[in-house]
Amino acid sequence: MIGIKGMGGARKKTTARAVFDHIYADFEATSFVENVREVSSTSMFGLLNLQEQVLSNVLNEHVTVNGVNDGTNMMKRRMCSKKVVLVLDDVDHIEQLKALAGEPK
């Protein structure tokens, strides 16, 4: 897991996108999720919607999740055997990271 931290306007997303575009072909599945902070704070279903986005991108099928815990468990089960590159833009709470990328081991 790699984090890019800096002030607003420091072109972090541009850098992340450039790296993503350079390496994505080496992975079985990919997902580039923008505006995590904004989406997760705009509704009580924000994190759930983001989990569905990640799962749908990675599994290449429409996925519906019933709850954040369900989404976290589904990600563990269905993504553990895949080589995945996942970019999460504008994460501002550890809970967002845990819900979308799991806990580091």
PDB file of N, CA and C in Angstrom:
ATOM      1  N   MET A   1       0.855  -1.166   0.000  1.00  0.00           N
ATOM      2  CA  MET A   1       0.000   0.000   0.000  1.00  0.00           C
ATOM      3  C   MET A   1       0.901   1.229   0.000  1.00  0.00           C
ATOM      4  N   ILE A   2       0.572   2.171  -0.870  1.00  0.00           N
ATOM      5  CA  ILE A   2       1.338   3.406  -0.984  1.00  0.00           C
ATOM      6  C   ILE A   2       0.391   4.572  -0.783  1.00  0.00           C
ATOM      7  N   GLY A   3       0.787   5.535   0.018  1.00  0.00           N
ATOM      8  CA  GLY A   3      -0.011   6.739   0.219  1.00  0.00           C
ATOM      9  C   GLY A   3       0.697   7.944  -0.370  1.00  0.00           C
ATOM     10  N   ILE A   4      -0.082   8.845  -0.939  1.00  0.00           N
ATOM     11  CA  ILE A   4       0.457  10.113  -1.440  1.00  0.00           C
ATOM     12  C   ILE A   4      -0.228  11.208  -0.647  1.00  0.00           C
ATOM     13  N   LYS A   5       0.560  11.988   0.065  1.00  0.00           N
ATOM     14  CA  LYS A   5       0.011  13.018   0.943  1.00  0.00           C
ATOM     15  C   LYS A   5       0.573  14.372   0.551  1.00  0.00           C
ATOM     16  N   GLY A   6      -0.269  15.386   0.617  1.00  0.00           N
ATOM     17  CA  GLY A   6       0.198  16.729   0.321  1.00  0.00           C
ATOM     18  C   GLY A   6      -0.942  17.719   0.374  1.00  0.00           C
ATOM     19  N   MET A   7      -0.597  18.972   0.220  1.00  0.00           N
ATOM     20  CA  MET A   7      -1.592  20.040   0.246  1.00  0.00           C
ATOM     21  C   MET A   7      -2.480  19.967  -0.995  1.00  0.00           C
ATOM     22  N   GLY A   8      -3.681  20.544  -0.879  1.00  0.00           N
ATOM     23  CA  GLY A   8      -4.570  20.637  -2.021  1.00  0.00           C
ATOM     24  C   GLY A   8      -3.888  21.358  -3.172  1.00  0.00           C
ATOM     25  N   GLY A   9      -4.101  20.867  -4.380  1.00  0.00           N
ATOM     26  CA  GLY A   9      -3.492  21.490  -5.547  1.00  0.00           C
ATOM     27  C   GLY A   9      -2.073  21.036  -5.825  1.00  0.00           C
ATOM     28  N   ALA A  10      -1.592  20.051  -5.062  1.00  0.00           N
ATOM     29  CA  ALA A  10      -0.213  19.578  -5.235  1.00  0.00           C
ATOM     30  C   ALA A  10      -0.093  18.526  -6.339  1.00  0.00           C
ATOM     31  N   ARG A  11      -1.198  18.259  -7.043  1.00  0.00           N
ATOM     32  CA  ARG A  11      -1.233  17.333  -8.177  1.00  0.00           C
ATOM     33  C   ARG A  11      -1.042  15.879  -7.772  1.00  0.00           C
ATOM     34  N   LYS A  12      -1.538  15.531  -6.600  1.00  0.00           N
ATOM     35  CA  LYS A  12      -1.459  14.148  -6.124  1.00  0.00           C
ATOM     36  C   LYS A  12      -2.255  13.212  -7.027  1.00  0.00           C
ATOM     37  N   LYS A  13      -3.478  13.622  -7.381  1.00  0.00           N
ATOM     38  CA  LYS A  13      -4.319  12.783  -8.239  1.00  0.00           C
ATOM     39  C   LYS A  13      -3.682  12.607  -9.616  1.00  0.00           C
ATOM     40  N   THR A  14      -3.078  13.653 -10.136  1.00  0.00           N
ATOM     41  CA  THR A  14      -2.410  13.581 -11.436  1.00  0.00           C
ATOM     42  C   THR A  14      -1.258  12.588 -11.380  1.00  0.00           C
ATOM     43  N   THR A  15      -0.496  12.633 -10.307  1.00  0.00           N
ATOM     44  CA  THR A  15       0.615  11.698 -10.122  1.00  0.00           C
ATOM     45  C   THR A  15       0.099  10.271  -9.999  1.00  0.00           C
ATOM     46  N   ALA A  16      -0.936  10.080  -9.182  1.00  0.00           N
ATOM     47  CA  ALA A  16      -1.516   8.747  -9.003  1.00  0.00           C
ATOM     48  C   ALA A  16      -2.050   8.208 -10.325  1.00  0.00           C
ATOM     49  N   ARG A  17      -2.709   9.057 -11.106  1.00  0.00           N
ATOM     50  CA  ARG A  17      -3.258   8.634 -12.403  1.00  0.00           C
ATOM     51  C   ARG A  17      -2.137   8.244 -13.358  1.00  0.00           C
ATOM     52  N   ALA A  18      -1.044   8.995 -13.361  1.00  0.00           N
ATOM     53  CA  ALA A  18       0.084   8.681 -14.239  1.00  0.00           C
ATOM     54  C   ALA A  18       0.697   7.330 -13.876  1.00  0.00           C
ATOM     55  N   VAL A  19       0.874   7.074 -12.588  1.00  0.00           N
ATOM     56  CA  VAL A  19       1.407   5.781 -12.144  1.00  0.00           C
ATOM     57  C   VAL A  19       0.427   4.672 -12.512  1.00  0.00           C
ATOM     58  N   PHE A  20      -0.858   4.883 -12.224  1.00  0.00           N
ATOM     59  CA  PHE A  20      -1.906   3.906 -12.549  1.00  0.00           C
ATOM     60  C   PHE A  20      -1.870   3.568 -14.041  1.00  0.00           C
ATOM     61  N   ASP A  21      -1.851   4.590 -14.892  1.00  0.00           N
ATOM     62  CA  ASP A  21      -1.851   4.375 -16.336  1.00  0.00           C
ATOM     63  C   ASP A  21      -0.608   3.618 -16.800  1.00  0.00           C
ATOM     64  N   HIS A  22       0.483   3.783 -16.081  1.00  0.00           N
ATOM     65  CA  HIS A  22       1.735   3.117 -16.439  1.00  0.00           C
ATOM     66  C   HIS A  22       1.755   1.641 -16.025  1.00  0.00           C
ATOM     67  N   ILE A  23       1.097   1.291 -14.919  1.00  0.00           N
ATOM     68  CA  ILE A  23       1.223  -0.070 -14.378  1.00  0.00           C
ATOM     69  C   ILE A  23      -0.023  -0.942 -14.516  1.00  0.00           C
ATOM     70  N   TYR A  24      -1.165  -0.381 -14.912  1.00  0.00           N
ATOM     71  CA  TYR A  24      -2.417  -1.139 -14.849  1.00  0.00           C
ATOM     72  C   TYR A  24      -2.387  -2.436 -15.656  1.00  0.00           C
ATOM     73  N   ALA A  25      -1.648  -2.473 -16.748  1.00  0.00           N
ATOM     74  CA  ALA A  25      -1.617  -3.666 -17.592  1.00  0.00           C
ATOM     75  C   ALA A  25      -0.979  -4.866 -16.894  1.00  0.00           C
ATOM     76  N   ASP A  26      -0.236  -4.632 -15.824  1.00  0.00           N
ATOM     77  CA  ASP A  26       0.418  -5.716 -15.090  1.00  0.00           C
ATOM     78  C   ASP A  26      -0.503  -6.376 -14.067  1.00  0.00           C
ATOM     79  N   PHE A  27      -1.751  -5.943 -14.000  1.00  0.00           N
ATOM     80  CA  PHE A  27      -2.680  -6.433 -12.992  1.00  0.00           C
ATOM     81  C   PHE A  27      -3.888  -7.101 -13.638  1.00  0.00           C
ATOM     82  N   GLU A  28      -4.482  -8.048 -12.902  1.00  0.00           N
ATOM     83  CA  GLU A  28      -5.685  -8.735 -13.382  1.00  0.00           C
ATOM     84  C   GLU A  28      -6.899  -7.819 -13.372  1.00  0.00           C
ATOM     85  N   ALA A  29      -6.928  -6.911 -12.417  1.00  0.00           N
ATOM     86  CA  ALA A  29      -8.095  -6.048 -12.256  1.00  0.00           C
ATOM     87  C   ALA A  29      -7.650  -4.695 -11.720  1.00  0.00           C
ATOM     88  N   THR A  30      -8.461  -3.668 -12.025  1.00  0.00           N
ATOM     89  CA  THR A  30      -8.115  -2.316 -11.597  1.00  0.00           C
ATOM     90  C   THR A  30      -9.350  -1.542 -11.174  1.00  0.00           C
ATOM     91  N   SER A  31      -9.116  -0.542 -10.345  1.00  0.00           N
ATOM     92  CA  SER A  31     -10.176   0.402  -9.996  1.00  0.00           C
ATOM     93  C   SER A  31      -9.525   1.705  -9.552  1.00  0.00           C
ATOM     94  N   PHE A  32      -9.972   2.798 -10.138  1.00  0.00           N
ATOM     95  CA  PHE A  32      -9.500   4.137  -9.776  1.00  0.00           C
ATOM     96  C   PHE A  32     -10.716   4.878  -9.256  1.00  0.00           C
ATOM     97  N   VAL A  33     -10.761   5.108  -7.955  1.00  0.00           N
ATOM     98  CA  VAL A  33     -11.932   5.704  -7.306  1.00  0.00           C
ATOM     99  C   VAL A  33     -11.602   7.137  -6.911  1.00  0.00           C
ATOM    100  N   GLU A  34     -12.321   8.079  -7.503  1.00  0.00           N
ATOM    101  CA  GLU A  34     -12.084   9.494  -7.228  1.00  0.00           C
ATOM    102  C   GLU A  34     -13.048  10.016  -6.165  1.00  0.00           C
ATOM    103  N   ASN A  35     -12.611  11.065  -5.483  1.00  0.00           N
ATOM    104  CA  ASN A  35     -13.469  11.821  -4.557  1.00  0.00           C
ATOM    105  C   ASN A  35     -14.072  10.985  -3.429  1.00  0.00           C
ATOM    106  N   VAL A  36     -13.272  10.141  -2.814  1.00  0.00           N
ATOM    107  CA  VAL A  36     -13.759   9.286  -1.728  1.00  0.00           C
ATOM    108  C   VAL A  36     -14.349  10.124  -0.598  1.00  0.00           C
ATOM    109  N   ARG A  37     -13.667  11.174  -0.203  1.00  0.00           N
ATOM    110  CA  ARG A  37     -14.162  12.026   0.895  1.00  0.00           C
ATOM    111  C   ARG A  37     -15.538  12.588   0.574  1.00  0.00           C
ATOM    112  N   GLU A  38     -15.682  13.154  -0.599  1.00  0.00           N
ATOM    113  CA  GLU A  38     -16.947  13.783  -0.991  1.00  0.00           C
ATOM    114  C   GLU A  38     -18.079  12.762  -1.093  1.00  0.00           C
ATOM    115  N   VAL A  39     -17.837  11.669  -1.777  1.00  0.00           N
ATOM    116  CA  VAL A  39     -18.886  10.662  -1.977  1.00  0.00           C
ATOM    117  C   VAL A  39     -19.293  10.026  -0.660  1.00  0.00           C
ATOM    118  N   SER A  40     -18.326   9.717   0.197  1.00  0.00           N
ATOM    119  CA  SER A  40     -18.661   9.035   1.447  1.00  0.00           C
ATOM    120  C   SER A  40     -19.356   9.949   2.439  1.00  0.00           C
ATOM    121  N   SER A  41     -19.219  11.265   2.267  1.00  0.00           N
ATOM    122  CA  SER A  41     -19.852  12.181   3.221  1.00  0.00           C
ATOM    123  C   SER A  41     -21.196  12.724   2.744  1.00  0.00           C
ATOM    124  N   THR A  42     -21.539  12.535   1.487  1.00  0.00           N
ATOM    125  CA  THR A  42     -22.768  13.125   0.957  1.00  0.00           C
ATOM    126  C   THR A  42     -24.020  12.338   1.298  1.00  0.00           C
ATOM    127  N   SER A  43     -23.870  11.058   1.631  1.00  0.00           N
ATOM    128  CA  SER A  43     -25.044  10.277   2.026  1.00  0.00           C
ATOM    129  C   SER A  43     -24.615   9.136   2.924  1.00  0.00           C
ATOM    130  N   MET A  44     -25.594   8.561   3.607  1.00  0.00           N
ATOM    131  CA  MET A  44     -25.273   7.434   4.484  1.00  0.00           C
ATOM    132  C   MET A  44     -24.910   6.185   3.684  1.00  0.00           C
ATOM    133  N   PHE A  45     -25.157   6.213   2.386  1.00  0.00           N
ATOM    134  CA  PHE A  45     -24.815   5.083   1.528  1.00  0.00           C
ATOM    135  C   PHE A  45     -23.529   5.321   0.743  1.00  0.00           C
ATOM    136  N   GLY A  46     -22.810   6.385   1.060  1.00  0.00           N
ATOM    137  CA  GLY A  46     -21.619   6.746   0.306  1.00  0.00           C
ATOM    138  C   GLY A  46     -20.564   5.661   0.254  1.00  0.00           C
ATOM    139  N   LEU A  47     -20.159   5.151   1.410  1.00  0.00           N
ATOM    140  CA  LEU A  47     -19.145   4.089   1.434  1.00  0.00           C
ATOM    141  C   LEU A  47     -19.651   2.834   0.745  1.00  0.00           C
ATOM    142  N   LEU A  48     -20.913   2.543   0.936  1.00  0.00           N
ATOM    143  CA  LEU A  48     -21.531   1.385   0.289  1.00  0.00           C
ATOM    144  C   LEU A  48     -21.446   1.524  -1.232  1.00  0.00           C
ATOM    145  N   ASN A  49     -21.784   2.697  -1.736  1.00  0.00           N
ATOM    146  CA  ASN A  49     -21.710   2.940  -3.181  1.00  0.00           C
ATOM    147  C   ASN A  49     -20.281   2.817  -3.696  1.00  0.00           C
ATOM    148  N   LEU A  50     -19.326   3.292  -2.913  1.00  0.00           N
ATOM    149  CA  LEU A  50     -17.922   3.182  -3.315  1.00  0.00           C
ATOM    150  C   LEU A  50     -17.466   1.724  -3.320  1.00  0.00           C
ATOM    151  N   GLN A  51     -17.912   0.942  -2.336  1.00  0.00           N
ATOM    152  CA  GLN A  51     -17.584  -0.485  -2.324  1.00  0.00           C
ATOM    153  C   GLN A  51     -18.155  -1.174  -3.560  1.00  0.00           C
ATOM    154  N   GLU A  52     -19.393  -0.838  -3.900  1.00  0.00           N
ATOM    155  CA  GLU A  52     -20.008  -1.419  -5.097  1.00  0.00           C
ATOM    156  C   GLU A  52     -19.225  -1.039  -6.347  1.00  0.00           C
ATOM    157  N   GLN A  53     -18.735   0.193  -6.396  1.00  0.00           N
ATOM    158  CA  GLN A  53     -17.935   0.640  -7.539  1.00  0.00           C
ATOM    159  C   GLN A  53     -16.647  -0.173  -7.650  1.00  0.00           C
ATOM    160  N   VAL A  54     -15.939  -0.319  -6.539  1.00  0.00           N
ATOM    161  CA  VAL A  54     -14.684  -1.082  -6.552  1.00  0.00           C
ATOM    162  C   VAL A  54     -14.946  -2.527  -6.967  1.00  0.00           C
ATOM    163  N   LEU A  55     -15.917  -3.166  -6.326  1.00  0.00           N
ATOM    164  CA  LEU A  55     -16.219  -4.562  -6.642  1.00  0.00           C
ATOM    165  C   LEU A  55     -16.652  -4.731  -8.092  1.00  0.00           C
ATOM    166  N   SER A  56     -17.495  -3.844  -8.577  1.00  0.00           N
ATOM    167  CA  SER A  56     -17.956  -3.930  -9.967  1.00  0.00           C
ATOM    168  C   SER A  56     -16.794  -3.765 -10.938  1.00  0.00           C
ATOM    169  N   ASN A  57     -15.898  -2.825 -10.664  1.00  0.00           N
ATOM    170  CA  ASN A  57     -14.722  -2.630 -11.521  1.00  0.00           C
ATOM    171  C   ASN A  57     -13.814  -3.854 -11.510  1.00  0.00           C
ATOM    172  N   VAL A  58     -13.513  -4.342 -10.324  1.00  0.00           N
ATOM    173  CA  VAL A  58     -12.558  -5.440 -10.177  1.00  0.00           C
ATOM    174  C   VAL A  58     -13.115  -6.753 -10.718  1.00  0.00           C
ATOM    175  N   LEU A  59     -14.387  -7.016 -10.460  1.00  0.00           N
ATOM    176  CA  LEU A  59     -14.995  -8.282 -10.880  1.00  0.00           C
ATOM    177  C   LEU A  59     -15.590  -8.212 -12.282  1.00  0.00           C
ATOM    178  N   ASN A  60     -15.645  -7.009 -12.838  1.00  0.00           N
ATOM    179  CA  ASN A  60     -16.171  -6.798 -14.184  1.00  0.00           C
ATOM    180  C   ASN A  60     -17.617  -7.282 -14.323  1.00  0.00           C
ATOM    181  N   GLU A  61     -18.406  -6.997 -13.287  1.00  0.00           N
ATOM    182  CA  GLU A  61     -19.832  -7.319 -13.278  1.00  0.00           C
ATOM    183  C   GLU A  61     -20.512  -6.376 -12.296  1.00  0.00           C
ATOM    184  N   HIS A  62     -21.817  -6.182 -12.468  1.00  0.00           N
ATOM    185  CA  HIS A  62     -22.535  -5.311 -11.531  1.00  0.00           C
ATOM    186  C   HIS A  62     -22.663  -6.023 -10.185  1.00  0.00           C
ATOM    187  N   VAL A  63     -22.278  -5.349  -9.127  1.00  0.00           N
ATOM    188  CA  VAL A  63     -22.328  -5.919  -7.781  1.00  0.00           C
ATOM    189  C   VAL A  63     -23.169  -5.016  -6.892  1.00  0.00           C
ATOM    190  N   THR A  64     -24.059  -5.625  -6.115  1.00  0.00           N
ATOM    191  CA  THR A  64     -24.857  -4.909  -5.126  1.00  0.00           C
ATOM    192  C   THR A  64     -24.445  -5.396  -3.749  1.00  0.00           C
ATOM    193  N   VAL A  65     -24.246  -4.453  -2.839  1.00  0.00           N
ATOM    194  CA  VAL A  65     -23.814  -4.768  -1.479  1.00  0.00           C
ATOM    195  C   VAL A  65     -24.903  -4.327  -0.515  1.00  0.00           C
ATOM    196  N   ASN A  66     -25.181  -5.144   0.501  1.00  0.00           N
ATOM    197  CA  ASN A  66     -26.261  -4.860   1.451  1.00  0.00           C
ATOM    198  C   ASN A  66     -25.846  -3.981   2.622  1.00  0.00           C
ATOM    199  N   GLY A  67     -24.570  -3.897   2.899  1.00  0.00           N
ATOM    200  CA  GLY A  67     -24.074  -3.093   4.012  1.00  0.00           C
ATOM    201  C   GLY A  67     -22.563  -3.004   3.933  1.00  0.00           C
ATOM    202  N   VAL A  68     -21.974  -2.059   4.641  1.00  0.00           N
ATOM    203  CA  VAL A  68     -20.526  -1.859   4.570  1.00  0.00           C
ATOM    204  C   VAL A  68     -19.780  -3.105   5.039  1.00  0.00           C
ATOM    205  N   ASN A  69     -20.238  -3.734   6.121  1.00  0.00           N
ATOM    206  CA  ASN A  69     -19.575  -4.962   6.588  1.00  0.00           C
ATOM    207  C   ASN A  69     -19.682  -6.066   5.547  1.00  0.00           C
ATOM    208  N   ASP A  70     -20.854  -6.179   4.913  1.00  0.00           N
ATOM    209  CA  ASP A  70     -21.054  -7.155   3.845  1.00  0.00           C
ATOM    210  C   ASP A  70     -20.094  -6.863   2.691  1.00  0.00           C
ATOM    211  N   GLY A  71     -19.967  -5.587   2.340  1.00  0.00           N
ATOM    212  CA  GLY A  71     -19.061  -5.196   1.265  1.00  0.00           C
ATOM    213  C   GLY A  71     -17.616  -5.520   1.585  1.00  0.00           C
ATOM    214  N   THR A  72     -17.212  -5.250   2.819  1.00  0.00           N
ATOM    215  CA  THR A  72     -15.843  -5.554   3.243  1.00  0.00           C
ATOM    216  C   THR A  72     -15.578  -7.052   3.153  1.00  0.00           C
ATOM    217  N   ASN A  73     -16.521  -7.855   3.634  1.00  0.00           N
ATOM    218  CA  ASN A  73     -16.363  -9.310   3.569  1.00  0.00           C
ATOM    219  C   ASN A  73     -16.363  -9.814   2.131  1.00  0.00           C
ATOM    220  N   MET A  74     -17.233  -9.240   1.293  1.00  0.00           N
ATOM    221  CA  MET A  74     -17.276  -9.642  -0.111  1.00  0.00           C
ATOM    222  C   MET A  74     -15.957  -9.315  -0.802  1.00  0.00           C
ATOM    223  N   MET A  75     -15.386  -8.161  -0.483  1.00  0.00           N
ATOM    224  CA  MET A  75     -14.101  -7.790  -1.078  1.00  0.00           C
ATOM    225  C   MET A  75     -13.020  -8.790  -0.673  1.00  0.00           C
ATOM    226  N   LYS A  76     -13.007  -9.162   0.593  1.00  0.00           N
ATOM    227  CA  LYS A  76     -12.018 -10.139   1.062  1.00  0.00           C
ATOM    228  C   LYS A  76     -12.176 -11.463   0.323  1.00  0.00           C
ATOM    229  N   ARG A  77     -13.414 -11.942   0.215  1.00  0.00           N
ATOM    230  CA  ARG A  77     -13.677 -13.238  -0.415  1.00  0.00           C
ATOM    231  C   ARG A  77     -13.396 -13.238  -1.913  1.00  0.00           C
ATOM    232  N   ARG A  78     -13.869 -12.227  -2.599  1.00  0.00           N
ATOM    233  CA  ARG A  78     -13.866 -12.262  -4.059  1.00  0.00           C
ATOM    234  C   ARG A  78     -12.621 -11.647  -4.690  1.00  0.00           C
ATOM    235  N   MET A  79     -11.866 -10.879  -3.906  1.00  0.00           N
ATOM    236  CA  MET A  79     -10.695 -10.218  -4.474  1.00  0.00           C
ATOM    237  C   MET A  79      -9.372 -10.799  -3.989  1.00  0.00           C
ATOM    238  N   CYS A  80      -9.403 -11.681  -3.000  1.00  0.00           N
ATOM    239  CA  CYS A  80      -8.160 -12.146  -2.375  1.00  0.00           C
ATOM    240  C   CYS A  80      -7.249 -12.905  -3.337  1.00  0.00           C
ATOM    241  N   SER A  81      -7.806 -13.525  -4.351  1.00  0.00           N
ATOM    242  CA  SER A  81      -6.981 -14.310  -5.268  1.00  0.00           C
ATOM    243  C   SER A  81      -6.587 -13.531  -6.520  1.00  0.00           C
ATOM    244  N   LYS A  82      -6.937 -12.263  -6.572  1.00  0.00           N
ATOM    245  CA  LYS A  82      -6.646 -11.447  -7.749  1.00  0.00           C
ATOM    246  C   LYS A  82      -5.501 -10.472  -7.473  1.00  0.00           C
ATOM    247  N   LYS A  83      -4.744 -10.204  -8.503  1.00  0.00           N
ATOM    248  CA  LYS A  83      -3.712  -9.171  -8.448  1.00  0.00           C
ATOM    249  C   LYS A  83      -4.394  -7.876  -8.894  1.00  0.00           C
ATOM    250  N   VAL A  84      -4.597  -6.962  -7.943  1.00  0.00           N
ATOM    251  CA  VAL A  84      -5.418  -5.770  -8.169  1.00  0.00           C
ATOM    252  C   VAL A  84      -4.618  -4.505  -7.895  1.00  0.00           C
ATOM    253  N   VAL A  85      -4.800  -3.508  -8.754  1.00  0.00           N
ATOM    254  CA  VAL A  85      -4.307  -2.168  -8.437  1.00  0.00           C
ATOM    255  C   VAL A  85      -5.549  -1.315  -8.164  1.00  0.00           C
ATOM    256  N   LEU A  86      -5.562  -0.725  -6.988  1.00  0.00           N
ATOM    257  CA  LEU A  86      -6.691   0.080  -6.531  1.00  0.00           C
ATOM    258  C   LEU A  86      -6.169   1.445  -6.110  1.00  0.00           C
ATOM    259  N   VAL A  87      -6.694   2.492  -6.728  1.00  0.00           N
ATOM    260  CA  VAL A  87      -6.325   3.857  -6.357  1.00  0.00           C
ATOM    261  C   VAL A  87      -7.543   4.510  -5.726  1.00  0.00           C
ATOM    262  N   LEU A  88      -7.358   5.052  -4.534  1.00  0.00           N
ATOM    263  CA  LEU A  88      -8.416   5.752  -3.806  1.00  0.00           C
ATOM    264  C   LEU A  88      -7.993   7.204  -3.661  1.00  0.00           C
ATOM    265  N   ASP A  89      -8.729   8.093  -4.308  1.00  0.00           N
ATOM    266  CA  ASP A  89      -8.402   9.514  -4.299  1.00  0.00           C
ATOM    267  C   ASP A  89      -9.148  10.236  -3.194  1.00  0.00           C
ATOM    268  N   ASP A  90      -8.444  11.080  -2.469  1.00  0.00           N
ATOM    269  CA  ASP A  90      -9.014  11.981  -1.465  1.00  0.00           C
ATOM    270  C   ASP A  90      -9.633  11.245  -0.275  1.00  0.00           C
ATOM    271  N   VAL A  91      -8.894  10.298   0.266  1.00  0.00           N
ATOM    272  CA  VAL A  91      -9.305   9.600   1.490  1.00  0.00           C
ATOM    273  C   VAL A  91      -8.934  10.488   2.668  1.00  0.00           C
ATOM    274  N   ASP A  92      -9.891  10.723   3.571  1.00  0.00           N
ATOM    275  CA  ASP A  92      -9.567  11.567   4.726  1.00  0.00           C
ATOM    276  C   ASP A  92      -9.879  10.918   6.070  1.00  0.00           C
ATOM    277  N   HIS A  93     -10.367   9.666   6.056  1.00  0.00           N
ATOM    278  CA  HIS A  93     -10.618   8.940   7.308  1.00  0.00           C
ATOM    279  C   HIS A  93     -10.148   7.494   7.148  1.00  0.00           C
ATOM    280  N   ILE A  94      -9.558   6.966   8.179  1.00  0.00           N
ATOM    281  CA  ILE A  94      -9.070   5.585   8.155  1.00  0.00           C
ATOM    282  C   ILE A  94     -10.201   4.601   7.884  1.00  0.00           C
ATOM    283  N   GLU A  95     -11.424   4.917   8.314  1.00  0.00           N
ATOM    284  CA  GLU A  95     -12.557   4.015   8.082  1.00  0.00           C
ATOM    285  C   GLU A  95     -12.839   3.856   6.590  1.00  0.00           C
ATOM    286  N   GLN A  96     -12.624   4.906   5.818  1.00  0.00           N
ATOM    287  CA  GLN A  96     -12.801   4.814   4.367  1.00  0.00           C
ATOM    288  C   GLN A  96     -11.784   3.833   3.788  1.00  0.00           C
ATOM    289  N   LEU A  97     -10.557   3.955   4.234  1.00  0.00           N
ATOM    290  CA  LEU A  97      -9.498   3.072   3.759  1.00  0.00           C
ATOM    291  C   LEU A  97      -9.790   1.622   4.128  1.00  0.00           C
ATOM    292  N   LYS A  98     -10.213   1.390   5.360  1.00  0.00           N
ATOM    293  CA  LYS A  98     -10.536   0.031   5.799  1.00  0.00           C
ATOM    294  C   LYS A  98     -11.687  -0.558   4.996  1.00  0.00           C
ATOM    295  N   ALA A  99     -12.714   0.253   4.720  1.00  0.00           N
ATOM    296  CA  ALA A  99     -13.891  -0.232   3.993  1.00  0.00           C
ATOM    297  C   ALA A  99     -13.595  -0.507   2.523  1.00  0.00           C
ATOM    298  N   LEU A 100     -12.634   0.206   1.952  1.00  0.00           N
ATOM    299  CA  LEU A 100     -12.384   0.092   0.517  1.00  0.00           C
ATOM    300  C   LEU A 100     -11.138  -0.707   0.161  1.00  0.00           C
ATOM    301  N   ALA A 101     -10.185  -0.785   1.062  1.00  0.00           N
ATOM    302  CA  ALA A 101      -8.942  -1.493   0.754  1.00  0.00           C
ATOM    303  C   ALA A 101      -8.604  -2.563   1.778  1.00  0.00           C
ATOM    304  N   GLY A 102      -9.372  -2.656   2.839  1.00  0.00           N
ATOM    305  CA  GLY A 102      -9.076  -3.618   3.886  1.00  0.00           C
ATOM    306  C   GLY A 102      -8.019  -3.086   4.833  1.00  0.00           C
ATOM    307  N   GLU A 103      -7.707  -3.882   5.812  1.00  0.00           N
ATOM    308  CA  GLU A 103      -6.695  -3.486   6.792  1.00  0.00           C
ATOM    309  C   GLU A 103      -5.358  -4.078   6.389  1.00  0.00           C
ATOM    310  N   PRO A 104      -4.290  -3.285   6.460  1.00  0.00           N
ATOM    311  CA  PRO A 104      -2.973  -3.820   6.113  1.00  0.00           C
ATOM    312  C   PRO A 104      -2.557  -4.916   7.080  1.00  0.00           C
ATOM    313  N   LYS A 105      -1.816  -5.867   6.569  1.00  0.00           N
ATOM    314  CA  LYS A 105      -1.360  -6.983   7.407  1.00  0.00           C
ATOM    315  C   LYS A 105       0.113  -6.856   7.680  1.00  0.00           C
TER     316      LYS A 105
END
